PDB file of N, CA and C in Angstrom:
ATOM      1  N   THR A   1      -0.029  -4.922 -16.601  1.00  0.00           N
ATOM      2  CA  THR A   1      -0.128  -4.747 -15.251  1.00  0.00           C
ATOM      3  C   THR A   1      -0.920  -5.334 -14.406  1.00  0.00           C
ATOM      4  N   ASP A   2      -1.492  -6.253 -14.965  1.00  0.00           N
ATOM      5  CA  ASP A   2      -2.211  -6.939 -14.524  1.00  0.00           C
ATOM      6  C   ASP A   2      -1.446  -7.775 -13.492  1.00  0.00           C
ATOM      7  N   ARG A   3      -0.323  -8.143 -14.408  1.00  0.00           N
ATOM      8  CA  ARG A   3       0.670  -9.522 -13.252  1.00  0.00           C
ATOM      9  C   ARG A   3       1.603  -8.131 -11.992  1.00  0.00           C
ATOM     10  N   LEU A   4       1.123  -7.098 -12.078  1.00  0.00           N
ATOM     11  CA  LEU A   4       1.723  -5.690 -11.137  1.00  0.00           C
ATOM     12  C   LEU A   4       0.881  -5.735 -10.150  1.00  0.00           C
ATOM     13  N   LEU A   5      -0.461  -5.197 -10.584  1.00  0.00           N
ATOM     14  CA  LEU A   5      -1.667  -4.688  -9.425  1.00  0.00           C
ATOM     15  C   LEU A   5      -2.710  -5.275  -9.411  1.00  0.00           C
ATOM     16  N   HIS A   6      -2.987  -7.014  -9.852  1.00  0.00           N
ATOM     17  CA  HIS A   6      -4.106  -7.397  -9.847  1.00  0.00           C
ATOM     18  C   HIS A   6      -4.162  -7.889  -8.341  1.00  0.00           C
ATOM     19  N   PRO A   7      -4.989  -7.488  -7.229  1.00  0.00           N
ATOM     20  CA  PRO A   7      -5.183  -8.160  -6.061  1.00  0.00           C
ATOM     21  C   PRO A   7      -4.560  -9.638  -6.070  1.00  0.00           C
ATOM     22  N   THR A   8      -4.845 -10.498  -6.945  1.00  0.00           N
ATOM     23  CA  THR A   8      -4.761 -11.960  -7.162  1.00  0.00           C
ATOM     24  C   THR A   8      -3.469 -12.134  -6.579  1.00  0.00           C
ATOM     25  N   ARG A   9      -2.563 -11.265  -7.285  1.00  0.00           N
ATOM     26  CA  ARG A   9      -0.894 -11.670  -7.479  1.00  0.00           C
ATOM     27  C   ARG A   9      -0.130 -11.216  -6.188  1.00  0.00           C
ATOM     28  N   GLU A  10      -1.160 -10.563  -5.367  1.00  0.00           N
ATOM     29  CA  GLU A  10      -0.200 -10.440  -3.845  1.00  0.00           C
ATOM     30  C   GLU A  10       0.947  -9.427  -3.787  1.00  0.00           C
ATOM     31  N   HIS A  11       1.352  -8.773  -4.735  1.00  0.00           N
ATOM     32  CA  HIS A  11       2.466  -7.771  -4.305  1.00  0.00           C
ATOM     33  C   HIS A  11       2.477  -7.024  -3.514  1.00  0.00           C
ATOM     34  N   GLU A  12       3.577  -6.965  -2.752  1.00  0.00           N
ATOM     35  CA  GLU A  12       3.573  -5.624  -1.998  1.00  0.00           C
ATOM     36  C   GLU A  12       3.329  -4.210  -2.545  1.00  0.00           C
ATOM     37  N   LYS A  13       2.464  -3.380  -2.059  1.00  0.00           N
ATOM     38  CA  LYS A  13       2.064  -2.190  -2.111  1.00  0.00           C
ATOM     39  C   LYS A  13       2.400  -1.257  -1.035  1.00  0.00           C
ATOM     40  N   GLU A  14       3.156  -0.022  -0.842  1.00  0.00           N
ATOM     41  CA  GLU A  14       3.200   0.586   0.267  1.00  0.00           C
ATOM     42  C   GLU A  14       2.833   2.067   0.030  1.00  0.00           C
ATOM     43  N   TYR A  15       2.136   2.415   1.412  1.00  0.00           N
ATOM     44  CA  TYR A  15       1.342   3.547   1.287  1.00  0.00           C
ATOM     45  C   TYR A  15       1.768   4.231   2.188  1.00  0.00           C
ATOM     46  N   VAL A  16       1.534   5.784   2.012  1.00  0.00           N
ATOM     47  CA  VAL A  16       1.685   6.801   3.537  1.00  0.00           C
ATOM     48  C   VAL A  16       0.049   7.601   3.572  1.00  0.00           C
ATOM     49  N   VAL A  17      -0.125   7.307   4.578  1.00  0.00           N
ATOM     50  CA  VAL A  17      -1.835   7.886   4.622  1.00  0.00           C
ATOM     51  C   VAL A  17      -1.319   9.037   6.034  1.00  0.00           C
ATOM     52  N   THR A  18      -2.631   9.940   5.292  1.00  0.00           N
ATOM     53  CA  THR A  18      -2.776  11.064   6.346  1.00  0.00           C
ATOM     54  C   THR A  18      -4.455  10.619   6.936  1.00  0.00           C
ATOM     55  N   VAL A  19      -4.834  10.734   8.256  1.00  0.00           N
ATOM     56  CA  VAL A  19      -6.205  10.707   8.160  1.00  0.00           C
ATOM     57  C   VAL A  19      -6.424  11.898   9.369  1.00  0.00           C
ATOM     58  N   ASP A  20      -7.663  11.899   9.818  1.00  0.00           N
ATOM     59  CA  ASP A  20      -8.184  13.005  10.324  1.00  0.00           C
ATOM     60  C   ASP A  20      -8.340  13.221  11.560  1.00  0.00           C
ATOM     61  N   LYS A  21      -7.858  11.960  12.401  1.00  0.00           N
ATOM     62  CA  LYS A  21      -7.485  11.645  13.751  1.00  0.00           C
ATOM     63  C   LYS A  21      -6.232  10.916  14.214  1.00  0.00           C
ATOM     64  N   PRO A  22      -5.631  11.558  15.307  1.00  0.00           N
ATOM     65  CA  PRO A  22      -4.689  10.587  15.883  1.00  0.00           C
ATOM     66  C   PRO A  22      -4.661   9.582  15.395  1.00  0.00           C
ATOM     67  N   VAL A  23      -3.323   8.649  15.191  1.00  0.00           N
ATOM     68  CA  VAL A  23      -3.223   7.304  15.192  1.00  0.00           C
ATOM     69  C   VAL A  23      -3.083   6.715  16.283  1.00  0.00           C
ATOM     70  N   THR A  24      -3.842   5.478  16.872  1.00  0.00           N
ATOM     71  CA  THR A  24      -3.703   5.201  18.052  1.00  0.00           C
ATOM     72  C   THR A  24      -3.131   3.243  17.789  1.00  0.00           C
ATOM     73  N   PRO A  25      -2.327   3.143  19.065  1.00  0.00           N
ATOM     74  CA  PRO A  25      -2.064   1.549  18.807  1.00  0.00           C
ATOM     75  C   PRO A  25      -3.346   0.632  18.396  1.00  0.00           C
ATOM     76  N   MET A  26      -4.088   1.086  18.805  1.00  0.00           N
ATOM     77  CA  MET A  26      -5.346   0.212  18.776  1.00  0.00           C
ATOM     78  C   MET A  26      -6.111   0.407  16.981  1.00  0.00           C
ATOM     79  N   PHE A  27      -5.927   1.543  16.606  1.00  0.00           N
ATOM     80  CA  PHE A  27      -6.310   1.722  15.308  1.00  0.00           C
ATOM     81  C   PHE A  27      -5.096   0.722  14.144  1.00  0.00           C
ATOM     82  N   LEU A  28      -4.250   0.932  14.422  1.00  0.00           N
ATOM     83  CA  LEU A  28      -3.019   0.549  14.056  1.00  0.00           C
ATOM     84  C   LEU A  28      -3.004  -1.165  14.249  1.00  0.00           C
ATOM     85  N   ARG A  29      -3.925  -1.494  15.043  1.00  0.00           N
ATOM     86  CA  ARG A  29      -3.987  -2.878  15.246  1.00  0.00           C
ATOM     87  C   ARG A  29      -5.088  -3.637  14.666  1.00  0.00           C
ATOM     88  N   LEU A  30      -6.271  -2.884  14.405  1.00  0.00           N
ATOM     89  CA  LEU A  30      -7.187  -2.958  13.697  1.00  0.00           C
ATOM     90  C   LEU A  30      -6.891  -2.943  11.964  1.00  0.00           C
ATOM     91  N   MET A  31      -6.361  -1.805  11.582  1.00  0.00           N
ATOM     92  CA  MET A  31      -5.832  -2.107  10.280  1.00  0.00           C
ATOM     93  C   MET A  31      -4.710  -2.958   9.862  1.00  0.00           C
ATOM     94  N   SER A  32      -4.059  -3.587  10.522  1.00  0.00           N
ATOM     95  CA  SER A  32      -3.305  -4.830  10.196  1.00  0.00           C
ATOM     96  C   SER A  32      -4.202  -5.947  10.202  1.00  0.00           C
ATOM     97  N   GLN A  33      -4.887  -6.110  11.004  1.00  0.00           N
ATOM     98  CA  GLN A  33      -5.903  -7.353  10.641  1.00  0.00           C
ATOM     99  C   GLN A  33      -6.748  -7.263   9.655  1.00  0.00           C
ATOM    100  N   PRO A  34      -7.541  -8.525   9.389  1.00  0.00           N
ATOM    101  CA  PRO A  34      -9.088  -8.430   8.247  1.00  0.00           C
ATOM    102  C   PRO A  34      -9.859  -7.376   8.799  1.00  0.00           C
ATOM    103  N   VAL A  35     -10.435  -6.480   7.772  1.00  0.00           N
ATOM    104  CA  VAL A  35     -11.025  -5.491   8.036  1.00  0.00           C
ATOM    105  C   VAL A  35     -12.169  -5.611   7.220  1.00  0.00           C
ATOM    106  N   LYS A  36     -13.694  -5.955   7.505  1.00  0.00           N
ATOM    107  CA  LYS A  36     -15.278  -6.132   7.038  1.00  0.00           C
ATOM    108  C   LYS A  36     -15.440  -4.919   6.121  1.00  0.00           C
ATOM    109  N   LEU A  37     -15.380  -5.044   4.998  1.00  0.00           N
ATOM    110  CA  LEU A  37     -15.981  -4.159   4.324  1.00  0.00           C
ATOM    111  C   LEU A  37     -17.054  -4.776   3.397  1.00  0.00           C
ATOM    112  N   GLU A  38     -17.858  -3.896   2.817  1.00  0.00           N
ATOM    113  CA  GLU A  38     -19.796  -3.877   2.195  1.00  0.00           C
ATOM    114  C   GLU A  38     -19.377  -5.388   1.584  1.00  0.00           C
ATOM    115  N   ASP A  39     -18.639  -5.532   0.547  1.00  0.00           N
ATOM    116  CA  ASP A  39     -18.395  -6.193  -0.269  1.00  0.00           C
ATOM    117  C   ASP A  39     -17.137  -7.751  -0.110  1.00  0.00           C
ATOM    118  N   PHE A  40     -15.999  -7.511   0.691  1.00  0.00           N
ATOM    119  CA  PHE A  40     -15.386  -8.666   1.013  1.00  0.00           C
ATOM    120  C   PHE A  40     -14.364  -8.015   2.230  1.00  0.00           C
ATOM    121  N   THR A  41     -13.764  -8.972   2.844  1.00  0.00           N
ATOM    122  CA  THR A  41     -12.615  -8.996   3.917  1.00  0.00           C
ATOM    123  C   THR A  41     -11.746  -8.896   3.312  1.00  0.00           C
ATOM    124  N   THR A  42     -10.767  -7.772   3.941  1.00  0.00           N
ATOM    125  CA  THR A  42      -9.438  -7.688   3.557  1.00  0.00           C
ATOM    126  C   THR A  42      -8.276  -8.486   4.243  1.00  0.00           C
ATOM    127  N   LYS A  43      -7.465  -8.692   3.438  1.00  0.00           N
ATOM    128  CA  LYS A  43      -6.239  -9.706   4.033  1.00  0.00           C
ATOM    129  C   LYS A  43      -5.543  -8.767   5.086  1.00  0.00           C
ATOM    130  N   PRO A  44      -4.838  -9.494   6.042  1.00  0.00           N
ATOM    131  CA  PRO A  44      -3.912  -8.842   6.825  1.00  0.00           C
ATOM    132  C   PRO A  44      -2.933  -8.226   6.482  1.00  0.00           C
ATOM    133  N   CYS A  45      -2.545  -7.254   7.042  1.00  0.00           N
ATOM    134  CA  CYS A  45      -1.384  -6.250   6.563  1.00  0.00           C
ATOM    135  C   CYS A  45      -0.873  -5.552   7.429  1.00  0.00           C
ATOM    136  N   ARG A  46       0.398  -4.796   7.130  1.00  0.00           N
ATOM    137  CA  ARG A  46       1.081  -4.130   8.423  1.00  0.00           C
ATOM    138  C   ARG A  46       0.987  -2.780   8.125  1.00  0.00           C
ATOM    139  N   ALA A  47       0.837  -2.491   9.232  1.00  0.00           N
ATOM    140  CA  ALA A  47       0.579  -0.637   9.713  1.00  0.00           C
ATOM    141  C   ALA A  47       1.626  -0.477  10.719  1.00  0.00           C
ATOM    142  N   MET A  48       1.990   0.966  10.550  1.00  0.00           N
ATOM    143  CA  MET A  48       3.288   1.581  11.181  1.00  0.00           C
ATOM    144  C   MET A  48       2.687   3.114  11.474  1.00  0.00           C
ATOM    145  N   LYS A  49       2.756   3.190  12.447  1.00  0.00           N
ATOM    146  CA  LYS A  49       2.866   5.074  12.939  1.00  0.00           C
ATOM    147  C   LYS A  49       4.343   5.635  12.260  1.00  0.00           C
ATOM    148  N   LEU A  50       3.432   6.479  11.697  1.00  0.00           N
ATOM    149  CA  LEU A  50       4.874   7.502  11.176  1.00  0.00           C
ATOM    150  C   LEU A  50       4.705   8.813  12.016  1.00  0.00           C
ATOM    151  N   GLY A  51       3.870   9.469  12.508  1.00  0.00           N
ATOM    152  CA  GLY A  51       3.197  10.941  13.007  1.00  0.00           C
ATOM    153  C   GLY A  51       2.021  10.630  13.645  1.00  0.00           C
ATOM    154  N   LYS A  52       1.530  11.893  13.956  1.00  0.00           N
ATOM    155  CA  LYS A  52      -0.051  12.026  15.248  1.00  0.00           C
ATOM    156  C   LYS A  52      -0.977  11.271  14.196  1.00  0.00           C
ATOM    157  N   ASN A  53      -0.525  11.925  13.069  1.00  0.00           N
ATOM    158  CA  ASN A  53      -2.101  11.437  12.115  1.00  0.00           C
ATOM    159  C   ASN A  53      -1.544  10.730  10.539  1.00  0.00           C
ATOM    160  N   ASN A  54      -0.236  10.415  10.849  1.00  0.00           N
ATOM    161  CA  ASN A  54       0.210   9.465   9.494  1.00  0.00           C
ATOM    162  C   ASN A  54       0.397   8.261  10.167  1.00  0.00           C
ATOM    163  N   PHE A  55       0.344   7.477   8.986  1.00  0.00           N
ATOM    164  CA  PHE A  55       0.536   5.754   8.894  1.00  0.00           C
ATOM    165  C   PHE A  55       1.169   5.176   8.194  1.00  0.00           C
ATOM    166  N   ARG A  56       2.021   4.592   7.647  1.00  0.00           N
ATOM    167  CA  ARG A  56       2.527   3.767   6.344  1.00  0.00           C
ATOM    168  C   ARG A  56       1.651   2.052   6.670  1.00  0.00           C
ATOM    169  N   ILE A  57       1.308   1.827   5.577  1.00  0.00           N
ATOM    170  CA  ILE A  57       0.731   0.808   5.560  1.00  0.00           C
ATOM    171  C   ILE A  57       1.119  -0.098   4.445  1.00  0.00           C
ATOM    172  N   ILE A  58       1.189  -1.606   4.346  1.00  0.00           N
ATOM    173  CA  ILE A  58       1.499  -2.367   3.539  1.00  0.00           C
ATOM    174  C   ILE A  58       1.030  -3.431   2.966  1.00  0.00           C
ATOM    175  N   LEU A  59       0.106  -3.570   1.626  1.00  0.00           N
ATOM    176  CA  LEU A  59      -0.787  -4.354   1.768  1.00  0.00           C
ATOM    177  C   LEU A  59      -0.248  -5.213   0.302  1.00  0.00           C
ATOM    178  N   THR A  60      -0.909  -6.376   0.329  1.00  0.00           N
ATOM    179  CA  THR A  60      -0.855  -7.146  -0.766  1.00  0.00           C
ATOM    180  C   THR A  60      -1.852  -7.585  -1.422  1.00  0.00           C
ATOM    181  N   GLU A  61      -2.990  -6.631  -1.393  1.00  0.00           N
ATOM    182  CA  GLU A  61      -4.352  -6.578  -2.363  1.00  0.00           C
ATOM    183  C   GLU A  61      -4.193  -5.202  -3.157  1.00  0.00           C
ATOM    184  N   GLY A  62      -4.570  -4.308  -2.121  1.00  0.00           N
ATOM    185  CA  GLY A  62      -4.473  -2.684  -3.163  1.00  0.00           C
ATOM    186  C   GLY A  62      -5.598  -3.257  -3.985  1.00  0.00           C
ATOM    187  N   LYS A  63      -6.861  -3.279  -3.437  1.00  0.00           N
ATOM    188  CA  LYS A  63      -8.677  -3.467  -4.193  1.00  0.00           C
ATOM    189  C   LYS A  63      -8.993  -1.587  -4.270  1.00  0.00           C
ATOM    190  N   LYS A  64      -9.758  -1.897  -5.038  1.00  0.00           N
ATOM    191  CA  LYS A  64      -9.852  -0.081  -5.213  1.00  0.00           C
ATOM    192  C   LYS A  64     -10.337   0.715  -4.123  1.00  0.00           C
ATOM    193  N   HIS A  65      -9.876   1.746  -3.754  1.00  0.00           N
ATOM    194  CA  HIS A  65     -10.324   2.480  -2.661  1.00  0.00           C
ATOM    195  C   HIS A  65      -9.998   1.941  -1.158  1.00  0.00           C
ATOM    196  N   GLN A  66      -9.282   0.793  -1.266  1.00  0.00           N
ATOM    197  CA  GLN A  66      -9.365  -0.098  -0.060  1.00  0.00           C
ATOM    198  C   GLN A  66      -9.134   0.285   1.175  1.00  0.00           C
ATOM    199  N   ILE A  67      -7.758   1.310   1.237  1.00  0.00           N
ATOM    200  CA  ILE A  67      -7.503   2.067   2.303  1.00  0.00           C
ATOM    201  C   ILE A  67      -8.363   2.674   2.932  1.00  0.00           C
ATOM    202  N   ARG A  68      -8.443   4.043   2.076  1.00  0.00           N
ATOM    203  CA  ARG A  68      -9.630   4.679   2.348  1.00  0.00           C
ATOM    204  C   ARG A  68     -11.082   3.953   2.972  1.00  0.00           C
ATOM    205  N   ARG A  69     -11.655   2.848   3.012  1.00  0.00           N
ATOM    206  CA  ARG A  69     -12.386   2.287   2.829  1.00  0.00           C
ATOM    207  C   ARG A  69     -12.190   1.481   4.084  1.00  0.00           C
ATOM    208  N   MET A  70     -11.063   1.074   4.197  1.00  0.00           N
ATOM    209  CA  MET A  70     -10.935   0.060   5.796  1.00  0.00           C
ATOM    210  C   MET A  70     -10.696   1.359   6.497  1.00  0.00           C
ATOM    211  N   CYS A  71      -9.672   2.567   6.439  1.00  0.00           N
ATOM    212  CA  CYS A  71     -10.125   3.763   7.615  1.00  0.00           C
ATOM    213  C   CYS A  71     -11.513   4.170   7.721  1.00  0.00           C
ATOM    214  N   ALA A  72     -12.655   4.312   6.711  1.00  0.00           N
ATOM    215  CA  ALA A  72     -14.056   5.012   7.059  1.00  0.00           C
ATOM    216  C   ALA A  72     -14.666   3.347   8.080  1.00  0.00           C
ATOM    217  N   ALA A  73     -14.161   2.147   7.414  1.00  0.00           N
ATOM    218  CA  ALA A  73     -15.308   1.282   8.383  1.00  0.00           C
ATOM    219  C   ALA A  73     -14.581   1.523  10.040  1.00  0.00           C
ATOM    220  N   LEU A  74     -13.384   1.864  10.326  1.00  0.00           N
ATOM    221  CA  LEU A  74     -13.026   2.214  11.432  1.00  0.00           C
ATOM    222  C   LEU A  74     -12.978   3.249  12.091  1.00  0.00           C
ATOM    223  N   GLY A  75     -13.607   4.138  11.580  1.00  0.00           N
ATOM    224  CA  GLY A  75     -13.539   6.013  12.160  1.00  0.00           C
ATOM    225  C   GLY A  75     -13.007   6.672  11.821  1.00  0.00           C
ATOM    226  N   TRP A  76     -12.001   6.557  10.678  1.00  0.00           N
ATOM    227  CA  TRP A  76     -11.300   7.139  10.628  1.00  0.00           C
ATOM    228  C   TRP A  76     -11.485   8.045   9.022  1.00  0.00           C
ATOM    229  N   THR A  77     -11.266   9.263   8.961  1.00  0.00           N
ATOM    230  CA  THR A  77     -11.396   9.873   7.276  1.00  0.00           C
ATOM    231  C   THR A  77     -10.018  10.228   6.999  1.00  0.00           C
ATOM    232  N   THR A  78      -9.831   9.498   5.249  1.00  0.00           N
ATOM    233  CA  THR A  78      -8.374   9.532   4.728  1.00  0.00           C
ATOM    234  C   THR A  78      -8.778  11.093   3.810  1.00  0.00           C
ATOM    235  N   LEU A  79      -7.475  11.565   4.673  1.00  0.00           N
ATOM    236  CA  LEU A  79      -7.355  12.942   3.926  1.00  0.00           C
ATOM    237  C   LEU A  79      -5.999  13.221   3.091  1.00  0.00           C
ATOM    238  N   ASP A  80      -4.855  12.181   3.069  1.00  0.00           N
ATOM    239  CA  ASP A  80      -4.589  12.304   2.052  1.00  0.00           C
ATOM    240  C   ASP A  80      -3.469  11.008   1.857  1.00  0.00           C
ATOM    241  N   LEU A  81      -3.494   9.939   0.776  1.00  0.00           N
ATOM    242  CA  LEU A  81      -3.021   8.884   0.220  1.00  0.00           C
ATOM    243  C   LEU A  81      -1.816   8.825  -0.619  1.00  0.00           C
ATOM    244  N   LYS A  82      -0.804   8.526  -0.577  1.00  0.00           N
ATOM    245  CA  LYS A  82       0.406   8.148  -1.509  1.00  0.00           C
ATOM    246  C   LYS A  82       0.815   6.835  -1.282  1.00  0.00           C
ATOM    247  N   ARG A  83       0.870   6.167  -2.668  1.00  0.00           N
ATOM    248  CA  ARG A  83       1.731   5.007  -2.721  1.00  0.00           C
ATOM    249  C   ARG A  83       3.330   5.194  -2.784  1.00  0.00           C
ATOM    250  N   VAL A  84       3.787   5.025  -2.099  1.00  0.00           N
ATOM    251  CA  VAL A  84       5.439   4.936  -2.112  1.00  0.00           C
ATOM    252  C   VAL A  84       5.990   3.953  -2.607  1.00  0.00           C
ATOM    253  N   ARG A  85       5.700   2.693  -2.724  1.00  0.00           N
ATOM    254  CA  ARG A  85       6.637   1.065  -3.396  1.00  0.00           C
ATOM    255  C   ARG A  85       5.371   0.788  -4.089  1.00  0.00           C
ATOM    256  N   VAL A  86       5.764  -0.168  -4.767  1.00  0.00           N
ATOM    257  CA  VAL A  86       5.426  -1.287  -5.453  1.00  0.00           C
ATOM    258  C   VAL A  86       6.631  -2.184  -5.333  1.00  0.00           C
ATOM    259  N   LEU A  87       6.475  -3.779  -4.847  1.00  0.00           N
ATOM    260  CA  LEU A  87       7.448  -4.609  -5.230  1.00  0.00           C
ATOM    261  C   LEU A  87       8.824  -3.579  -4.421  1.00  0.00           C
ATOM    262  N   ASN A  88       9.577  -3.819  -5.212  1.00  0.00           N
ATOM    263  CA  ASN A  88      10.965  -3.250  -5.106  1.00  0.00           C
ATOM    264  C   ASN A  88      11.650  -2.115  -5.406  1.00  0.00           C
ATOM    265  N   ILE A  89      10.199  -1.230  -6.201  1.00  0.00           N
ATOM    266  CA  ILE A  89      10.207  -0.007  -6.883  1.00  0.00           C
ATOM    267  C   ILE A  89       9.811   1.039  -5.757  1.00  0.00           C
ATOM    268  N   GLU A  90      10.977   1.726  -5.377  1.00  0.00           N
ATOM    269  CA  GLU A  90      10.387   3.089  -4.740  1.00  0.00           C
ATOM    270  C   GLU A  90      10.204   4.130  -5.338  1.00  0.00           C
ATOM    271  N   LEU A  91       9.111   5.157  -4.528  1.00  0.00           N
ATOM    272  CA  LEU A  91       8.871   6.271  -5.386  1.00  0.00           C
ATOM    273  C   LEU A  91       9.940   7.445  -4.805  1.00  0.00           C
ATOM    274  N   GLY A  92      10.387   7.392  -3.724  1.00  0.00           N
ATOM    275  CA  GLY A  92      11.384   7.798  -3.689  1.00  0.00           C
ATOM    276  C   GLY A  92      11.409   9.327  -3.607  1.00  0.00           C
ATOM    277  N   SER A  93      12.063  10.435  -3.864  1.00  0.00           N
ATOM    278  CA  SER A  93      11.697  11.841  -3.850  1.00  0.00           C
ATOM    279  C   SER A  93      11.240  11.900  -5.267  1.00  0.00           C
ATOM    280  N   LEU A  94      10.724  11.354  -6.152  1.00  0.00           N
ATOM    281  CA  LEU A  94      10.260  11.938  -7.555  1.00  0.00           C
ATOM    282  C   LEU A  94       9.093  12.304  -7.557  1.00  0.00           C
ATOM    283  N   LYS A  95       9.248  13.544  -8.279  1.00  0.00           N
ATOM    284  CA  LYS A  95       8.044  14.445  -8.249  1.00  0.00           C
ATOM    285  C   LYS A  95       7.081  14.566  -8.854  1.00  0.00           C
ATOM    286  N   MET A  96       5.855  14.491  -8.618  1.00  0.00           N
ATOM    287  CA  MET A  96       4.520  14.309  -9.065  1.00  0.00           C
ATOM    288  C   MET A  96       4.582  14.732 -10.482  1.00  0.00           C
ATOM    289  N   GLY A  97       4.270  13.729 -11.711  1.00  0.00           N
ATOM    290  CA  GLY A  97       4.279  13.920 -12.961  1.00  0.00           C
ATOM    291  C   GLY A  97       5.493  13.782 -13.677  1.00  0.00           C
ATOM    292  N   SER A  98       6.448  12.968 -12.777  1.00  0.00           N
ATOM    293  CA  SER A  98       8.059  12.937 -13.307  1.00  0.00           C
ATOM    294  C   SER A  98       7.838  11.497 -13.119  1.00  0.00           C
ATOM    295  N   ASN A  99       8.976  10.864 -13.981  1.00  0.00           N
ATOM    296  CA  ASN A  99       9.095   9.331 -14.377  1.00  0.00           C
ATOM    297  C   ASN A  99      11.083   9.270 -13.972  1.00  0.00           C
ATOM    298  N   ARG A 100      10.832   8.172 -13.824  1.00  0.00           N
ATOM    299  CA  ARG A 100      12.663   7.675 -14.139  1.00  0.00           C
ATOM    300  C   ARG A 100      12.727   6.301 -14.525  1.00  0.00           C
ATOM    301  N   LYS A 101      13.781   6.299 -15.058  1.00  0.00           N
ATOM    302  CA  LYS A 101      13.900   5.122 -15.782  1.00  0.00           C
ATOM    303  C   LYS A 101      14.570   3.796 -14.404  1.00  0.00           C
ATOM    304  N   ILE A 102      13.942   3.013 -14.957  1.00  0.00           N
ATOM    305  CA  ILE A 102      13.899   1.837 -14.232  1.00  0.00           C
ATOM    306  C   ILE A 102      15.039   0.629 -14.596  1.00  0.00           C
ATOM    307  N   SER A 103      16.563   0.653 -14.239  1.00  0.00           N
ATOM    308  CA  SER A 103      17.458  -0.268 -14.701  1.00  0.00           C
ATOM    309  C   SER A 103      18.726  -0.869 -14.059  1.00  0.00           C
ATOM    310  N   GLY A 104      19.172  -2.008 -14.701  1.00  0.00           N
ATOM    311  CA  GLY A 104      19.863  -2.481 -13.816  1.00  0.00           C
ATOM    312  C   GLY A 104      19.436  -3.873 -12.706  1.00  0.00           C
ATOM    313  N   SER A 105      20.054  -4.020 -11.355  1.00  0.00           N
ATOM    314  CA  SER A 105      19.466  -5.118 -10.659  1.00  0.00           C
ATOM    315  C   SER A 105      18.075  -4.964 -10.346  1.00  0.00           C
ATOM    316  N   GLU A 106      17.841  -3.485 -10.209  1.00  0.00           N
ATOM    317  CA  GLU A 106      16.585  -2.928  -9.445  1.00  0.00           C
ATOM    318  C   GLU A 106      15.700  -3.680 -10.766  1.00  0.00           C
ATOM    319  N   LEU A 107      15.618  -3.341 -11.987  1.00  0.00           N
ATOM    320  CA  LEU A 107      15.087  -4.007 -13.054  1.00  0.00           C
ATOM    321  C   LEU A 107      14.664  -5.551 -13.053  1.00  0.00           C
ATOM    322  N   ASP A 108      15.765  -5.843 -12.916  1.00  0.00           N
ATOM    323  CA  ASP A 108      15.725  -7.339 -12.939  1.00  0.00           C
ATOM    324  C   ASP A 108      15.049  -7.873 -12.017  1.00  0.00           C
ATOM    325  N   ILE A 109      14.912  -7.571 -10.734  1.00  0.00           N
ATOM    326  CA  ILE A 109      14.439  -7.729  -9.337  1.00  0.00           C
ATOM    327  C   ILE A 109      13.300  -7.696  -9.758  1.00  0.00           C
ATOM    328  N   PHE A 110      13.013  -6.407 -10.358  1.00  0.00           N
ATOM    329  CA  PHE A 110      11.356  -6.283 -10.696  1.00  0.00           C
ATOM    330  C   PHE A 110      10.790  -7.169 -11.697  1.00  0.00           C
ATOM    331  N   LEU A 111      11.200  -7.565 -12.465  1.00  0.00           N
ATOM    332  CA  LEU A 111      10.871  -8.465 -13.321  1.00  0.00           C
ATOM    333  C   LEU A 111      11.011  -9.892 -12.958  1.00  0.00           C
ATOM    334  N   HIS A 112      11.694 -10.194 -12.334  1.00  0.00           N
ATOM    335  CA  HIS A 112      11.900 -11.320 -11.637  1.00  0.00           C
ATOM    336  C   HIS A 112      10.475 -11.555 -10.894  1.00  0.00           C
ATOM    337  N   LYS A 113      10.520 -10.506 -10.015  1.00  0.00           N
ATOM    338  CA  LYS A 113       8.953 -11.126  -8.970  1.00  0.00           C
ATOM    339  C   LYS A 113       7.769 -11.166  -9.574  1.00  0.00           C
ATOM    340  N   LEU A 114       7.757 -10.407 -10.727  1.00  0.00           N
ATOM    341  CA  LEU A 114       6.930 -10.457 -11.728  1.00  0.00           C
ATOM    342  C   LEU A 114       6.551 -11.835 -12.413  1.00  0.00           C
ATOM    343  N   GLY A 115       7.354 -12.679 -12.420  1.00  0.00           N
ATOM    344  CA  GLY A 115       7.843 -13.783 -13.299  1.00  0.00           C
ATOM    345  C   GLY A 115       7.908 -13.507 -14.854  1.00  0.00           C
ATOM    346  N   ILE A 116       8.264 -12.182 -14.775  1.00  0.00           N
ATOM    347  CA  ILE A 116       8.506 -12.797 -16.334  1.00  0.00           C
ATOM    348  C   ILE A 116      10.351 -12.575 -16.784  1.00  0.00           C
ATOM    349  N   LEU A 117      11.123 -12.433 -16.104  1.00  0.00           N
ATOM    350  CA  LEU A 117      12.550 -12.671 -16.226  1.00  0.00           C
ATOM    351  C   LEU A 117      12.653 -14.270 -14.946  1.00  0.00           C
ATOM    352  N   GLU A 118      13.214 -15.093 -16.089  1.00  0.00           N
ATOM    353  CA  GLU A 118      13.911 -16.068 -14.849  1.00  0.00           C
ATOM    354  C   GLU A 118      15.191 -15.911 -14.551  1.00  0.00           C
ATOM    355  N   GLN A 119      15.515 -16.567 -13.232  1.00  0.00           N
ATOM    356  CA  GLN A 119      17.248 -16.032 -12.492  1.00  0.00           C
ATOM    357  C   GLN A 119      17.959 -16.548 -13.237  1.00  0.00           C
TER     358      GLN A 119
END
């Protein structure tokens, strides 16, 4: 799991976030830039509006409660947070508590990105 989730590995992790106030262009711009938190400053990321109070964010860090803390630092409260992708593996329509087998080229790409499989 270290090769996959540790912040120093800089693998993309994608989340869908619901917040308590409307998502504004300024909020998205600030979320995309480094945000100073109590113990560290985040790396730049990508944030895109999905709906009035929803946005998608793609991080390469994913430190503990990072998105919630980033939102709070900017004055928004996170109401819901769902990871939808790690590297090339997408959650899709998988229901909570379910799992699926990763195989074929999807698995090969995943293992290659982790540095476990040579091409």
